[in-house]
């Protein structure tokens, strides 16, 4: 069994990682940890902003690597296989795409990420994944 755990460093994603670890141990499942770097397409539209876009990309990549290293520390005692990945793009679309590519059985994710403002405008990532994913989704509520 494979469990995908999308994380962003938020309190909610830390709770989902803990829940996935507990569930994965009971089910003898492999954990696949994913973080998605947001798109920087706004910067790329204007050639004069190229240097800024490179800096933003670099900072986002470093943040993704940091988030994954923290997850690896939290899972150091997990008895089964753990893999970590990062990608970039629209978070919900990338989570669903990655889920299909890795043929996961379950996605365990938090109900709230770091972007409260964007959630208001675009709808929550967890809601989009629930509606678009082929795999079952367990949403962990860190705060009610």
Protein backbone atom coordinates (compact mmCIF):
# COMPACT_ATOMS: atom_id res chain seq x y z
CA UNK A 1 0.00 0.00 0.00
CA UNK A 2 1.16 3.54 -0.80
CA UNK A 3 0.08 6.67 1.07
CA UNK A 4 0.75 10.11 -0.40
CA UNK A 5 1.15 12.93 2.12
CA UNK A 6 1.21 16.42 0.57
CA UNK A 7 2.77 18.91 3.02
CA UNK A 8 3.53 22.63 3.08
CA UNK A 9 5.05 23.13 6.52
CA UNK A 10 1.78 24.29 8.10
CA UNK A 11 0.35 23.05 11.39
CA UNK A 12 -2.29 21.16 9.45
CA UNK A 13 0.23 19.38 7.23
CA UNK A 14 2.28 18.38 10.30
CA UNK A 15 -0.86 16.81 11.77
CA UNK A 16 -1.53 14.97 8.51
CA UNK A 17 2.04 13.64 8.49
CA UNK A 18 1.57 12.33 12.03
CA UNK A 19 -1.74 10.70 11.10
CA UNK A 20 -0.28 9.17 7.92
CA UNK A 21 2.65 7.79 9.92
CA UNK A 22 0.33 6.13 12.42
CA UNK A 23 -1.90 4.75 9.69
CA UNK A 24 1.06 3.67 7.56
CA UNK A 25 2.58 1.76 10.42
CA UNK A 26 -0.67 -0.13 11.08
CA UNK A 27 -1.18 -0.90 7.38
CA UNK A 28 2.50 -1.56 6.66
CA UNK A 29 2.31 1.10 3.98
CA UNK A 30 4.96 3.07 2.15
CA UNK A 31 4.81 6.84 2.69
CA UNK A 32 5.38 9.25 -0.18
CA UNK A 33 5.85 12.83 0.99
CA UNK A 34 5.26 15.64 -1.51
CA UNK A 35 5.53 19.41 -1.33
CA UNK A 36 4.48 21.65 -4.20
CA UNK A 37 6.34 24.87 -5.02
CA UNK A 38 3.94 27.61 -6.14
CA UNK A 39 4.17 28.93 -9.68
CA UNK A 40 6.04 32.18 -10.37
CA UNK A 41 4.42 32.85 -13.74
CA UNK A 42 3.60 36.47 -12.83
CA UNK A 43 7.29 37.32 -12.77
CA UNK A 44 8.04 35.42 -15.95
CA UNK A 45 5.67 37.54 -18.03
CA UNK A 46 7.98 40.54 -17.81
CA UNK A 47 11.59 40.11 -18.99
CA UNK A 48 12.84 42.80 -16.58
CA UNK A 49 11.71 40.64 -13.66
CA UNK A 50 13.81 37.65 -14.71
CA UNK A 51 16.33 38.12 -11.88
CA UNK A 52 13.51 38.31 -9.34
CA UNK A 53 11.91 35.17 -10.73
CA UNK A 54 15.21 33.30 -10.34
CA UNK A 55 15.51 34.45 -6.72
CA UNK A 56 11.93 33.46 -5.95
CA UNK A 57 12.46 30.04 -7.56
CA UNK A 58 15.64 29.54 -5.56
CA UNK A 59 13.94 30.53 -2.29
CA UNK A 60 10.96 28.28 -3.02
CA UNK A 61 13.22 25.33 -3.79
CA UNK A 62 15.19 25.87 -0.58
CA UNK A 63 11.94 26.06 1.39
CA UNK A 64 10.67 22.84 -0.21
CA UNK A 65 13.91 21.06 0.67
CA UNK A 66 13.69 22.35 4.25
CA UNK A 67 10.08 21.17 4.61
CA UNK A 68 11.03 17.71 3.33
CA UNK A 69 14.05 17.47 5.66
CA UNK A 70 11.80 18.30 8.61
CA UNK A 71 9.39 15.57 7.50
CA UNK A 72 12.25 13.07 7.24
CA UNK A 73 13.27 13.93 10.82
CA UNK A 74 9.69 13.44 12.01
CA UNK A 75 9.58 10.04 10.25
CA UNK A 76 13.03 8.78 11.29
CA UNK A 77 11.46 5.94 13.31
CA UNK A 78 8.92 4.97 10.66
CA UNK A 79 9.48 1.25 9.97
CA UNK A 80 8.59 1.23 6.27
CA UNK A 81 9.83 2.94 3.12
CA UNK A 82 9.63 6.75 2.97
CA UNK A 83 10.25 8.79 -0.18
CA UNK A 84 10.24 12.58 -0.48
CA UNK A 85 9.62 14.69 -3.57
CA UNK A 86 8.96 18.25 -4.57
CA UNK A 87 7.44 19.64 -7.72
CA UNK A 88 6.07 22.98 -8.86
CA UNK A 89 2.77 24.22 -10.21
CA UNK A 90 -0.81 24.36 -9.07
CA UNK A 91 -0.87 22.42 -5.76
CA UNK A 92 -4.17 20.55 -6.25
CA UNK A 93 -3.41 19.62 -9.85
CA UNK A 94 0.12 18.51 -9.01
CA UNK A 95 -1.04 16.41 -6.05
CA UNK A 96 -3.60 14.62 -8.22
CA UNK A 97 -1.12 14.13 -11.06
CA UNK A 98 1.56 12.82 -8.69
CA UNK A 99 -0.99 10.51 -7.06
CA UNK A 100 -1.80 8.98 -10.43
CA UNK A 101 1.85 8.66 -11.45
CA UNK A 102 2.83 6.91 -8.21
CA UNK A 103 -0.38 4.82 -8.15
CA UNK A 104 -1.10 5.67 -4.52
CA UNK A 105 -3.92 4.04 -2.62
CA UNK A 106 -4.65 6.92 -0.26
CA UNK A 107 -3.89 10.63 0.08
CA UNK A 108 -3.64 11.97 3.63
CA UNK A 109 -3.64 15.75 3.79
CA UNK A 110 -4.45 18.65 6.07
CA UNK A 111 -7.58 20.72 5.85
CA UNK A 112 -5.73 24.04 5.95
CA UNK A 113 -2.42 25.05 4.47
CA UNK A 114 -0.44 28.23 4.68
CA UNK A 115 -2.46 30.28 2.16
CA UNK A 116 -5.65 31.54 3.85
CA UNK A 117 -6.08 34.42 1.39
CA UNK A 118 -5.66 32.27 -1.72
CA UNK A 119 -8.00 29.67 -0.24
CA UNK A 120 -10.70 32.33 0.00
CA UNK A 121 -10.27 33.26 -3.66
CA UNK A 122 -9.63 29.87 -5.21
CA UNK A 123 -11.11 27.28 -2.83
CA UNK A 124 -9.10 24.99 -0.62
CA UNK A 125 -6.50 22.64 -2.04
CA UNK A 126 -7.93 19.76 -0.01
CA UNK A 127 -11.40 20.37 -1.48
CA UNK A 128 -10.02 20.35 -5.03
CA UNK A 129 -8.04 17.16 -4.38
CA UNK A 130 -11.11 15.44 -2.90
CA UNK A 131 -13.08 16.26 -6.03
CA UNK A 132 -10.39 15.61 -8.64
CA UNK A 133 -8.33 12.71 -7.30
CA UNK A 134 -8.85 9.11 -8.35
CA UNK A 135 -7.46 7.95 -4.98
CA UNK A 136 -9.36 8.16 -1.71
CA UNK A 137 -8.53 11.20 0.42
CA UNK A 138 -8.34 11.43 4.20
CA UNK A 139 -8.49 15.03 5.39
CA UNK A 140 -6.91 15.63 8.79
CA UNK A 141 -8.27 18.55 10.79
CA UNK A 142 -5.54 20.12 12.88
CA UNK A 143 -7.72 22.92 14.20
CA UNK A 144 -11.46 23.11 14.28
